[in-house]
C-alpha atoms as a PDB file:
ATOM      1  CA  UNK A   1      74.208  65.901  27.916  1.00  0.00           C
ATOM      2  CA  UNK A   2      75.359  62.653  26.284  1.00  0.00           C
ATOM      3  CA  UNK A   3      77.783  60.643  28.426  1.00  0.00           C
ATOM      4  CA  UNK A   4      79.579  57.531  27.270  1.00  0.00           C
ATOM      5  CA  UNK A   5      81.361  55.559  29.957  1.00  0.00           C
ATOM      6  CA  UNK A   6      83.529  52.531  30.497  1.00  0.00           C
ATOM      7  CA  UNK A   7      84.520  50.656  33.629  1.00  0.00           C
ATOM      8  CA  UNK A   8      87.966  49.093  33.912  1.00  0.00           C
ATOM      9  CA  UNK A   9      90.222  47.544  36.535  1.00  0.00           C
ATOM     10  CA  UNK A  10      92.702  49.929  38.150  1.00  0.00           C
ATOM     11  CA  UNK A  11      95.300  49.750  40.930  1.00  0.00           C
ATOM     12  CA  UNK A  12      92.685  51.312  43.257  1.00  0.00           C
ATOM     13  CA  UNK A  13      89.734  49.087  42.369  1.00  0.00           C
ATOM     14  CA  UNK A  14      87.115  49.409  39.676  1.00  0.00           C
ATOM     15  CA  UNK A  15      87.347  52.693  37.776  1.00  0.00           C
ATOM     16  CA  UNK A  16      84.513  54.351  35.879  1.00  0.00           C
ATOM     17  CA  UNK A  17      85.388  57.054  33.375  1.00  0.00           C
ATOM     18  CA  UNK A  18      82.531  58.911  31.719  1.00  0.00           C
ATOM     19  CA  UNK A  19      82.860  61.587  29.081  1.00  0.00           C
ATOM     20  CA  UNK A  20      81.102  63.780  26.588  1.00  0.00           C
ATOM     21  CA  UNK A  21      82.637  64.843  23.289  1.00  0.00           C
ATOM     22  CA  UNK A  22      84.078  67.868  25.126  1.00  0.00           C
ATOM     23  CA  UNK A  23      85.820  66.122  28.021  1.00  0.00           C
ATOM     24  CA  UNK A  24      85.732  63.869  31.053  1.00  0.00           C
ATOM     25  CA  UNK A  25      82.585  64.186  33.166  1.00  0.00           C
ATOM     26  CA  UNK A  26      83.082  61.402  35.702  1.00  0.00           C
ATOM     27  CA  UNK A  27      85.986  59.557  37.286  1.00  0.00           C
ATOM     28  CA  UNK A  28      84.798  57.250  40.065  1.00  0.00           C
ATOM     29  CA  UNK A  29      86.365  54.472  42.121  1.00  0.00           C
ATOM     30  CA  UNK A  30      84.488  51.529  43.576  1.00  0.00           C
ATOM     31  CA  UNK A  31      84.226  47.818  44.061  1.00  0.00           C
ATOM     32  CA  UNK A  32      81.094  47.148  42.020  1.00  0.00           C
ATOM     33  CA  UNK A  33      80.292  48.054  38.419  1.00  0.00           C
ATOM     34  CA  UNK A  34      76.595  48.238  39.280  1.00  0.00           C
ATOM     35  CA  UNK A  35      77.252  50.706  42.115  1.00  0.00           C
ATOM     36  CA  UNK A  36      79.484  52.860  39.914  1.00  0.00           C
ATOM     37  CA  UNK A  37      76.803  52.942  37.219  1.00  0.00           C
ATOM     38  CA  UNK A  38      74.176  53.904  39.813  1.00  0.00           C
ATOM     39  CA  UNK A  39      76.349  56.780  41.073  1.00  0.00           C
ATOM     40  CA  UNK A  40      76.803  58.050  37.502  1.00  0.00           C
ATOM     41  CA  UNK A  41      73.055  57.960  36.826  1.00  0.00           C
ATOM     42  CA  UNK A  42      72.352  59.728  40.135  1.00  0.00           C
ATOM     43  CA  UNK A  43      74.994  62.394  39.453  1.00  0.00           C
ATOM     44  CA  UNK A  44      73.664  63.045  35.935  1.00  0.00           C
ATOM     45  CA  UNK A  45      69.916  62.251  36.124  1.00  0.00           C
ATOM     46  CA  UNK A  46      68.989  64.123  32.938  1.00  0.00           C
ATOM     47  CA  UNK A  47      71.885  62.906  30.800  1.00  0.00           C
ATOM     48  CA  UNK A  48      71.653  60.265  28.102  1.00  0.00           C
ATOM     49  CA  UNK A  49      74.097  57.691  29.427  1.00  0.00           C
ATOM     50  CA  UNK A  50      75.488  54.760  27.488  1.00  0.00           C
ATOM     51  CA  UNK A  51      78.057  52.175  28.381  1.00  0.00           C
ATOM     52  CA  UNK A  52      80.824  51.746  25.890  1.00  0.00           C
ATOM     53  CA  UNK A  53      81.406  48.055  25.433  1.00  0.00           C
ATOM     54  CA  UNK A  54      84.617  48.911  23.671  1.00  0.00           C
ATOM     55  CA  UNK A  55      86.229  52.245  24.449  1.00  0.00           C
ATOM     56  CA  UNK A  56      86.954  54.282  21.386  1.00  0.00           C
ATOM     57  CA  UNK A  57      88.390  57.635  20.443  1.00  0.00           C
ATOM     58  CA  UNK A  58      88.803  60.243  23.127  1.00  0.00           C
ATOM     59  CA  UNK A  59      87.310  58.107  25.909  1.00  0.00           C
ATOM     60  CA  UNK A  60      89.850  55.356  25.293  1.00  0.00           C
ATOM     61  CA  UNK A  61      92.709  57.870  25.313  1.00  0.00           C
ATOM     62  CA  UNK A  62      91.526  59.519  28.517  1.00  0.00           C
ATOM     63  CA  UNK A  63      91.179  56.152  30.237  1.00  0.00           C
ATOM     64  CA  UNK A  64      94.711  55.232  29.129  1.00  0.00           C
ATOM     65  CA  UNK A  65      96.083  58.488  30.591  1.00  0.00           C
ATOM     66  CA  UNK A  66      94.285  57.946  33.892  1.00  0.00           C
ATOM     67  CA  UNK A  67      95.504  54.348  34.176  1.00  0.00           C
ATOM     68  CA  UNK A  68      99.075  55.377  33.312  1.00  0.00           C
ATOM     69  CA  UNK A  69      98.882  57.973  36.077  1.00  0.00           C
ATOM     70  CA  UNK A  70      97.593  55.445  38.601  1.00  0.00           C
ATOM     71  CA  UNK A  71     100.363  53.016  37.669  1.00  0.00           C
ATOM     72  CA  UNK A  72     103.001  55.680  38.278  1.00  0.00           C
ATOM     73  CA  UNK A  73     103.942  55.997  34.626  1.00  0.00           C
ATOM     74  CA  UNK A  74     102.946  59.626  34.245  1.00  0.00           C
ATOM     75  CA  UNK A  75     103.291  62.413  36.792  1.00  0.00           C
ATOM     76  CA  UNK A  76     100.720  64.721  35.218  1.00  0.00           C
ATOM     77  CA  UNK A  77      97.111  64.171  34.317  1.00  0.00           C
ATOM     78  CA  UNK A  78      96.015  66.788  31.847  1.00  0.00           C
ATOM     79  CA  UNK A  79      92.675  65.827  30.341  1.00  0.00           C
ATOM     80  CA  UNK A  80      89.810  68.151  29.415  1.00  0.00           C
ATOM     81  CA  UNK A  81      86.707  68.124  31.579  1.00  0.00           C
ATOM     82  CA  UNK A  82      83.034  68.733  30.890  1.00  0.00           C
ATOM     83  CA  UNK A  83      81.533  69.053  34.360  1.00  0.00           C
ATOM     84  CA  UNK A  84      78.490  71.140  35.252  1.00  0.00           C
ATOM     85  CA  UNK A  85      78.718  73.091  38.485  1.00  0.00           C
ATOM     86  CA  UNK A  86      78.033  76.402  40.134  1.00  0.00           C
ATOM     87  CA  UNK A  87      80.476  79.254  39.567  1.00  0.00           C
ATOM     88  CA  UNK A  88      81.782  78.690  43.120  1.00  0.00           C
ATOM     89  CA  UNK A  89      82.325  74.946  42.525  1.00  0.00           C
ATOM     90  CA  UNK A  90      84.111  75.659  39.254  1.00  0.00           C
ATOM     91  CA  UNK A  91      86.478  78.085  40.989  1.00  0.00           C
ATOM     92  CA  UNK A  92      87.284  75.482  43.638  1.00  0.00           C
ATOM     93  CA  UNK A  93      87.778  72.748  41.041  1.00  0.00           C
ATOM     94  CA  UNK A  94      90.061  75.013  38.985  1.00  0.00           C
ATOM     95  CA  UNK A  95      92.112  75.762  42.089  1.00  0.00           C
ATOM     96  CA  UNK A  96      92.439  72.033  42.820  1.00  0.00           C
ATOM     97  CA  UNK A  97      94.030  71.563  39.404  1.00  0.00           C
ATOM     98  CA  UNK A  98      96.681  74.138  40.355  1.00  0.00           C
ATOM     99  CA  UNK A  99      97.952  72.027  43.263  1.00  0.00           C
ATOM    100  CA  UNK A 100     101.054  70.204  42.014  1.00  0.00           C
ATOM    101  CA  UNK A 101     101.295  66.435  42.328  1.00  0.00           C
ATOM    102  CA  UNK A 102     103.046  65.612  45.575  1.00  0.00           C
ATOM    103  CA  UNK A 103     101.747  68.740  47.327  1.00  0.00           C
ATOM    104  CA  UNK A 104      98.713  69.323  49.518  1.00  0.00           C
ATOM    105  CA  UNK A 105      96.644  72.329  50.502  1.00  0.00           C
ATOM    106  CA  UNK A 106      94.216  72.867  53.337  1.00  0.00           C
ATOM    107  CA  UNK A 107      90.572  73.741  52.841  1.00  0.00           C
ATOM    108  CA  UNK A 108      91.282  77.211  54.231  1.00  0.00           C
ATOM    109  CA  UNK A 109      94.182  77.712  51.791  1.00  0.00           C
ATOM    110  CA  UNK A 110      91.867  76.865  48.896  1.00  0.00           C
ATOM    111  CA  UNK A 111      89.235  79.272  50.258  1.00  0.00           C
ATOM    112  CA  UNK A 112      91.817  82.070  50.465  1.00  0.00           C
ATOM    113  CA  UNK A 113      93.178  81.283  47.001  1.00  0.00           C
ATOM    114  CA  UNK A 114      89.759  81.744  45.402  1.00  0.00           C
ATOM    115  CA  UNK A 115      89.141  84.985  47.302  1.00  0.00           C
ATOM    116  CA  UNK A 116      86.580  83.543  49.734  1.00  0.00           C
ATOM    117  CA  UNK A 117      88.565  83.113  52.978  1.00  0.00           C
ATOM    118  CA  UNK A 118      85.531  82.376  55.154  1.00  0.00           C
ATOM    119  CA  UNK A 119      84.025  79.784  52.794  1.00  0.00           C
ATOM    120  CA  UNK A 120      85.974  76.833  54.215  1.00  0.00           C
ATOM    121  CA  UNK A 121      82.941  74.564  54.597  1.00  0.00           C
ATOM    122  CA  UNK A 122      81.718  75.450  51.111  1.00  0.00           C
ATOM    123  CA  UNK A 123      85.163  74.528  49.749  1.00  0.00           C
ATOM    124  CA  UNK A 124      84.942  71.188  51.560  1.00  0.00           C
ATOM    125  CA  UNK A 125      81.496  70.619  50.050  1.00  0.00           C
ATOM    126  CA  UNK A 126      82.766  71.461  46.547  1.00  0.00           C
ATOM    127  CA  UNK A 127      85.575  68.945  47.048  1.00  0.00           C
ATOM    128  CA  UNK A 128      83.080  66.320  48.224  1.00  0.00           C
ATOM    129  CA  UNK A 129      80.904  66.800  45.147  1.00  0.00           C
ATOM    130  CA  UNK A 130      83.760  66.827  42.645  1.00  0.00           C
ATOM    131  CA  UNK A 131      82.742  64.221  40.031  1.00  0.00           C
ATOM    132  CA  UNK A 132      86.174  63.838  38.429  1.00  0.00           C
ATOM    133  CA  UNK A 133      88.501  62.184  40.944  1.00  0.00           C
ATOM    134  CA  UNK A 134      92.192  62.557  40.059  1.00  0.00           C
ATOM    135  CA  UNK A 135      91.510  65.045  37.261  1.00  0.00           C
ATOM    136  CA  UNK A 136      90.144  67.437  39.871  1.00  0.00           C
ATOM    137  CA  UNK A 137      92.591  66.326  42.566  1.00  0.00           C
ATOM    138  CA  UNK A 138      90.477  66.810  45.682  1.00  0.00           C
ATOM    139  CA  UNK A 139      92.607  64.100  47.315  1.00  0.00           C
ATOM    140  CA  UNK A 140      95.318  66.788  47.669  1.00  0.00           C
ATOM    141  CA  UNK A 141      93.204  68.773  50.155  1.00  0.00           C
ATOM    142  CA  UNK A 142      93.772  68.041  53.851  1.00  0.00           C
ATOM    143  CA  UNK A 143      92.640  69.392  57.199  1.00  0.00           C
ATOM    144  CA  UNK A 144      94.366  72.378  58.779  1.00  0.00           C
ATOM    145  CA  UNK A 145      96.287  70.003  61.070  1.00  0.00           C
ATOM    146  CA  UNK A 146      97.583  68.068  58.046  1.00  0.00           C
ATOM    147  CA  UNK A 147      95.463  64.990  58.698  1.00  0.00           C
ATOM    148  CA  UNK A 148      93.412  63.370  55.999  1.00  0.00           C
ATOM    149  CA  UNK A 149      89.753  64.310  55.934  1.00  0.00           C
ATOM    150  CA  UNK A 150      86.868  62.636  54.170  1.00  0.00           C
ATOM    151  CA  UNK A 151      87.303  61.513  50.614  1.00  0.00           C
ATOM    152  CA  UNK A 152      84.355  60.433  48.502  1.00  0.00           C
ATOM    153  CA  UNK A 153      86.200  57.300  47.379  1.00  0.00           C
ATOM    154  CA  UNK A 154      87.616  56.361  50.802  1.00  0.00           C
ATOM    155  CA  UNK A 155      90.544  57.503  52.929  1.00  0.00           C
ATOM    156  CA  UNK A 156      92.604  54.445  51.933  1.00  0.00           C
ATOM    157  CA  UNK A 157      92.440  55.561  48.299  1.00  0.00           C
ATOM    158  CA  UNK A 158      93.258  59.143  49.282  1.00  0.00           C
ATOM    159  CA  UNK A 159      96.335  57.954  51.180  1.00  0.00           C
ATOM    160  CA  UNK A 160      97.403  55.726  48.276  1.00  0.00           C
ATOM    161  CA  UNK A 161      97.098  58.630  45.822  1.00  0.00           C
ATOM    162  CA  UNK A 162      99.126  60.959  48.031  1.00  0.00           C
ATOM    163  CA  UNK A 163     101.823  58.298  48.408  1.00  0.00           C
ATOM    164  CA  UNK A 164     101.905  57.760  44.629  1.00  0.00           C
ATOM    165  CA  UNK A 165     102.247  61.488  44.041  1.00  0.00           C
ATOM    166  CA  UNK A 166     104.969  61.860  46.649  1.00  0.00           C
ATOM    167  CA  UNK A 167     106.967  59.330  44.617  1.00  0.00           C
ATOM    168  CA  UNK A 168     106.368  61.517  41.524  1.00  0.00           C
ATOM    169  CA  UNK A 169     107.809  64.553  43.290  1.00  0.00           C
ATOM    170  CA  UNK A 170     110.862  62.568  44.468  1.00  0.00           C
ATOM    171  CA  UNK A 171     111.433  61.354  40.883  1.00  0.00           C
ATOM    172  CA  UNK A 172     111.117  64.887  39.508  1.00  0.00           C
ATOM    173  CA  UNK A 173     113.678  66.175  42.024  1.00  0.00           C
ATOM    174  CA  UNK A 174     116.120  63.414  41.072  1.00  0.00           C
ATOM    175  CA  UNK A 175     115.885  64.194  37.377  1.00  0.00           C
ATOM    176  CA  UNK A 176     116.099  67.983  37.824  1.00  0.00           C
END
């Protein structure tokens, strides 16, 4: 796997976007470029990874879409992904992409939706290992009581994303 990546400033801190020719493979938030790079190398230990000093082509376009989303300028984030995972993880990640912006689901609702109603902990684990934040919107999954649960990139970021998306849904209702 060949992954090219770039790190840019975003409204939620430093943002790493990594991609192959087929799609986005990594979307990470952090405070430190070095830490983000280390996470990418740990996540993809056998990949050939190169930093793009100047984003070009598809990577540049995907970064622009992600930044527009984070700045509230776009209520959908439809970019292709190229993410290895088990069949179970892929089913969970596909189901995450079906949750509309501004909505949330519980871990048990996701488990039921993929036909594995008792696999609640496995769903939570698949969410925790999702390498494409935002694109695979694991931030939209909450506990059964509605409270926020762990988020790989921090609960403050999860809350900020849910607030951003709630504004999207209000805007969509106004224009409908």
